[in-house]
Amino acid sequence: MILIGVDHSFATKGKPNTTIQSQGDDPNHFSAAYFGKGFRWQLPDLETSELGYRMARQAYEESGRKIVDATVGGKLDIFEKVDYDSLF
C-alpha cells in the first residue's frame, strides 16, 4: 500500500477532538477552501492516529505486505518513506 498526501501536520493547534469553527482560509489542507469559513470540525488526535498506523503496519507486515509513505514533505514517520516521483 502506498500512502500519498498524509501530511500528519496541522497548523491549527488545540486539544485533540475539540470541535472548532474555521474563521477563514484553511491552512491545514491542500486547498485553502477545503474547510471554508464557518465550517465546524474536530482538531486532530495525532497520537491516536499514530497508534492506528502502527497497528496497520504490524498487520500488513504479519501478512507479508508493506505500507510505504510517498507523501511529499509529510511528517509521518511510522512507515518507510519512498520518493513519490520514483513511483510514476
N, C-alpha and C. Protein backbone atom coordinates (compact mmCIF):
# COMPACT_ATOMS: atom_id res chain seq x y z
N MET A 1 0.85 -1.16 0.00
CA MET A 1 0.00 0.00 0.00
C MET A 1 0.90 1.22 0.00
N ILE A 2 0.51 2.21 -0.76
CA ILE A 2 1.26 3.46 -0.84
C ILE A 2 0.38 4.60 -0.32
N LEU A 3 0.88 5.27 0.70
CA LEU A 3 0.18 6.45 1.23
C LEU A 3 0.65 7.68 0.47
N ILE A 4 -0.29 8.51 0.06
CA ILE A 4 0.02 9.76 -0.62
C ILE A 4 -0.84 10.86 0.01
N GLY A 5 -0.21 11.94 0.41
CA GLY A 5 -0.96 13.07 0.95
C GLY A 5 -1.27 12.98 2.43
N VAL A 6 -0.51 12.19 3.17
CA VAL A 6 -0.71 12.09 4.62
C VAL A 6 0.32 13.01 5.28
N ASP A 7 -0.01 14.28 5.36
CA ASP A 7 0.93 15.27 5.89
C ASP A 7 1.24 15.04 7.36
N HIS A 8 0.24 14.61 8.13
CA HIS A 8 0.37 14.36 9.56
C HIS A 8 0.91 15.60 10.29
N SER A 9 0.39 16.74 9.87
CA SER A 9 0.82 18.01 10.44
C SER A 9 -0.31 19.02 10.27
N PHE A 10 -0.62 19.75 11.32
CA PHE A 10 -1.69 20.74 11.26
C PHE A 10 -1.20 22.05 11.85
N ALA A 11 -1.51 23.14 11.19
CA ALA A 11 -1.16 24.47 11.69
C ALA A 11 -2.06 24.86 12.86
N THR A 12 -3.31 24.44 12.82
CA THR A 12 -4.26 24.76 13.89
C THR A 12 -3.98 23.86 15.08
N LYS A 13 -3.77 24.45 16.23
CA LYS A 13 -3.41 23.71 17.45
C LYS A 13 -4.53 23.78 18.47
N GLY A 14 -4.53 22.82 19.37
CA GLY A 14 -5.51 22.79 20.45
C GLY A 14 -5.68 21.38 20.95
N LYS A 15 -6.60 21.21 21.87
CA LYS A 15 -6.86 19.90 22.46
C LYS A 15 -7.47 18.97 21.41
N PRO A 16 -6.89 17.78 21.23
CA PRO A 16 -7.41 16.84 20.24
C PRO A 16 -8.91 16.57 20.43
N ASN A 17 -9.59 16.40 19.32
CA ASN A 17 -11.02 16.08 19.24
C ASN A 17 -11.94 17.21 19.66
N THR A 18 -11.39 18.39 19.95
CA THR A 18 -12.21 19.54 20.27
C THR A 18 -12.86 20.07 18.99
N THR A 19 -14.14 20.34 19.03
CA THR A 19 -14.82 20.90 17.87
C THR A 19 -14.58 22.41 17.82
N ILE A 20 -14.12 22.88 16.68
CA ILE A 20 -13.88 24.31 16.48
C ILE A 20 -14.60 24.75 15.20
N GLN A 21 -14.65 26.04 14.99
CA GLN A 21 -15.25 26.58 13.78
C GLN A 21 -14.18 27.39 13.06
N SER A 22 -14.02 27.10 11.76
CA SER A 22 -12.99 27.80 10.99
C SER A 22 -13.37 29.28 10.85
N GLN A 23 -12.34 30.10 10.87
CA GLN A 23 -12.53 31.54 10.82
C GLN A 23 -12.21 32.14 9.45
N GLY A 24 -11.67 31.33 8.57
CA GLY A 24 -11.29 31.83 7.25
C GLY A 24 -10.64 30.73 6.44
N ASP A 25 -9.63 31.08 5.66
CA ASP A 25 -8.94 30.10 4.83
C ASP A 25 -8.37 28.97 5.68
N ASP A 26 -8.34 27.78 5.12
CA ASP A 26 -7.87 26.58 5.81
C ASP A 26 -6.37 26.41 5.58
N PRO A 27 -5.55 26.56 6.64
CA PRO A 27 -4.10 26.39 6.48
C PRO A 27 -3.65 24.94 6.61
N ASN A 28 -4.58 24.02 6.83
CA ASN A 28 -4.23 22.64 7.15
C ASN A 28 -4.34 21.65 6.00
N HIS A 29 -4.89 22.06 4.89
CA HIS A 29 -5.13 21.14 3.79
C HIS A 29 -4.57 21.68 2.48
N PHE A 30 -4.59 20.87 1.45
CA PHE A 30 -4.01 21.21 0.15
C PHE A 30 -4.67 22.42 -0.50
N SER A 31 -5.88 22.74 -0.10
CA SER A 31 -6.60 23.89 -0.63
C SER A 31 -7.08 24.75 0.52
N ALA A 32 -6.89 26.05 0.42
CA ALA A 32 -7.35 26.97 1.46
C ALA A 32 -8.86 26.93 1.61
N ALA A 33 -9.56 26.44 0.58
CA ALA A 33 -11.02 26.37 0.61
C ALA A 33 -11.54 25.02 1.10
N TYR A 34 -10.64 24.12 1.52
CA TYR A 34 -11.04 22.77 1.94
C TYR A 34 -12.14 22.84 2.99
N PHE A 35 -11.89 23.56 4.08
CA PHE A 35 -12.92 23.90 5.05
C PHE A 35 -13.11 25.40 4.94
N GLY A 36 -14.23 25.83 4.43
CA GLY A 36 -14.47 27.26 4.29
C GLY A 36 -14.79 27.91 5.63
N LYS A 37 -14.88 29.22 5.61
CA LYS A 37 -15.19 29.97 6.83
C LYS A 37 -16.51 29.47 7.41
N GLY A 38 -16.51 29.27 8.72
CA GLY A 38 -17.72 28.84 9.42
C GLY A 38 -17.91 27.33 9.50
N PHE A 39 -16.98 26.55 8.92
CA PHE A 39 -17.10 25.10 8.96
C PHE A 39 -16.70 24.58 10.33
N ARG A 40 -17.51 23.71 10.90
CA ARG A 40 -17.20 23.10 12.20
C ARG A 40 -16.47 21.78 11.97
N TRP A 41 -15.33 21.60 12.66
CA TRP A 41 -14.55 20.37 12.53
C TRP A 41 -13.82 20.10 13.83
N GLN A 42 -13.33 18.87 13.96
CA GLN A 42 -12.62 18.47 15.18
C GLN A 42 -11.12 18.53 14.96
N LEU A 43 -10.43 19.06 15.96
CA LEU A 43 -8.96 19.08 15.91
C LEU A 43 -8.45 17.64 15.90
N PRO A 44 -7.37 17.40 15.17
CA PRO A 44 -6.87 16.03 15.03
C PRO A 44 -6.26 15.49 16.32
N ASP A 45 -6.31 14.18 16.43
CA ASP A 45 -5.68 13.46 17.52
C ASP A 45 -4.54 12.66 16.90
N LEU A 46 -3.39 13.31 16.73
CA LEU A 46 -2.28 12.68 16.01
C LEU A 46 -1.72 11.47 16.75
N GLU A 47 -1.74 11.49 18.08
CA GLU A 47 -1.24 10.33 18.85
C GLU A 47 -2.09 9.09 18.59
N THR A 48 -3.40 9.25 18.62
CA THR A 48 -4.27 8.11 18.36
C THR A 48 -4.15 7.65 16.91
N SER A 49 -3.99 8.60 15.99
CA SER A 49 -3.76 8.24 14.59
C SER A 49 -2.49 7.39 14.47
N GLU A 50 -1.43 7.79 15.17
CA GLU A 50 -0.18 7.03 15.10
C GLU A 50 -0.35 5.62 15.65
N LEU A 51 -1.14 5.46 16.68
CA LEU A 51 -1.42 4.13 17.22
C LEU A 51 -2.07 3.27 16.13
N GLY A 52 -3.05 3.82 15.45
CA GLY A 52 -3.71 3.11 14.35
C GLY A 52 -2.76 2.78 13.22
N TYR A 53 -1.88 3.73 12.88
CA TYR A 53 -0.89 3.48 11.83
C TYR A 53 0.05 2.33 12.22
N ARG A 54 0.48 2.32 13.48
CA ARG A 54 1.37 1.24 13.94
C ARG A 54 0.67 -0.12 13.87
N MET A 55 -0.60 -0.13 14.23
CA MET A 55 -1.37 -1.38 14.16
C MET A 55 -1.52 -1.83 12.70
N ALA A 56 -1.76 -0.91 11.80
CA ALA A 56 -1.87 -1.25 10.38
C ALA A 56 -0.55 -1.77 9.85
N ARG A 57 0.55 -1.11 10.22
CA ARG A 57 1.88 -1.57 9.78
C ARG A 57 2.13 -3.00 10.25
N GLN A 58 1.83 -3.28 11.52
CA GLN A 58 2.04 -4.62 12.06
C GLN A 58 1.19 -5.65 11.32
N ALA A 59 -0.07 -5.34 11.10
CA ALA A 59 -0.97 -6.28 10.40
C ALA A 59 -0.48 -6.56 8.99
N TYR A 60 -0.05 -5.52 8.30
CA TYR A 60 0.45 -5.71 6.93
C TYR A 60 1.72 -6.55 6.94
N GLU A 61 2.65 -6.23 7.84
CA GLU A 61 3.91 -6.98 7.88
C GLU A 61 3.68 -8.44 8.24
N GLU A 62 2.75 -8.71 9.15
CA GLU A 62 2.46 -10.09 9.54
C GLU A 62 1.87 -10.91 8.39
N SER A 63 1.26 -10.22 7.43
CA SER A 63 0.69 -10.93 6.28
C SER A 63 1.59 -10.83 5.04
N GLY A 64 2.85 -10.40 5.26
CA GLY A 64 3.81 -10.35 4.17
C GLY A 64 3.64 -9.17 3.23
N ARG A 65 2.89 -8.17 3.67
CA ARG A 65 2.69 -6.98 2.85
C ARG A 65 3.39 -5.79 3.51
N LYS A 66 3.36 -4.65 2.83
CA LYS A 66 4.08 -3.49 3.32
C LYS A 66 3.30 -2.22 2.99
N ILE A 67 3.38 -1.27 3.90
CA ILE A 67 2.84 0.07 3.67
C ILE A 67 4.02 1.02 3.58
N VAL A 68 4.05 1.85 2.55
CA VAL A 68 5.09 2.87 2.40
C VAL A 68 4.42 4.23 2.27
N ASP A 69 5.17 5.27 2.57
CA ASP A 69 4.65 6.63 2.56
C ASP A 69 5.36 7.45 1.49
N ALA A 70 4.62 7.85 0.47
CA ALA A 70 5.17 8.66 -0.62
C ALA A 70 4.73 10.12 -0.52
N THR A 71 4.22 10.52 0.63
CA THR A 71 3.80 11.90 0.82
C THR A 71 5.00 12.83 0.72
N VAL A 72 4.89 13.84 -0.11
CA VAL A 72 5.97 14.82 -0.26
C VAL A 72 5.91 15.78 0.92
N GLY A 73 6.98 15.80 1.72
CA GLY A 73 7.08 16.72 2.84
C GLY A 73 6.26 16.34 4.06
N GLY A 74 5.69 15.16 4.09
CA GLY A 74 4.88 14.73 5.23
C GLY A 74 5.70 14.51 6.49
N LYS A 75 5.05 14.61 7.63
CA LYS A 75 5.72 14.47 8.93
C LYS A 75 5.52 13.09 9.56
N LEU A 76 4.76 12.21 8.93
CA LEU A 76 4.52 10.88 9.48
C LEU A 76 5.80 10.05 9.37
N ASP A 77 6.19 9.43 10.49
CA ASP A 77 7.44 8.65 10.46
C ASP A 77 7.22 7.18 10.85
N ILE A 78 5.99 6.71 10.73
CA ILE A 78 5.66 5.33 11.08
C ILE A 78 6.06 4.37 9.96
N PHE A 79 5.97 4.83 8.72
CA PHE A 79 6.21 3.97 7.56
C PHE A 79 7.48 4.40 6.82
N GLU A 80 8.04 3.45 6.11
CA GLU A 80 9.20 3.75 5.26
C GLU A 80 8.79 4.81 4.24
N LYS A 81 9.65 5.80 4.04
CA LYS A 81 9.42 6.83 3.04
C LYS A 81 9.92 6.34 1.69
N VAL A 82 9.16 6.65 0.64
CA VAL A 82 9.59 6.38 -0.73
C VAL A 82 9.41 7.67 -1.52
N ASP A 83 10.22 7.82 -2.54
CA ASP A 83 10.17 9.00 -3.38
C ASP A 83 8.96 8.95 -4.30
N TYR A 84 8.09 9.92 -4.17
CA TYR A 84 6.85 9.98 -4.96
C TYR A 84 7.14 9.88 -6.45
N ASP A 85 8.09 10.68 -6.93
CA ASP A 85 8.38 10.71 -8.38
C ASP A 85 8.89 9.38 -8.90
N SER A 86 9.49 8.57 -8.03
CA SER A 86 10.02 7.27 -8.50
C SER A 86 8.91 6.25 -8.75
N LEU A 87 7.70 6.54 -8.29
CA LEU A 87 6.59 5.59 -8.40
C LEU A 87 5.86 5.68 -9.74
N PHE A 88 6.00 6.80 -10.44
CA PHE A 88 5.21 7.02 -11.64
C PHE A 88 6.07 7.33 -12.84
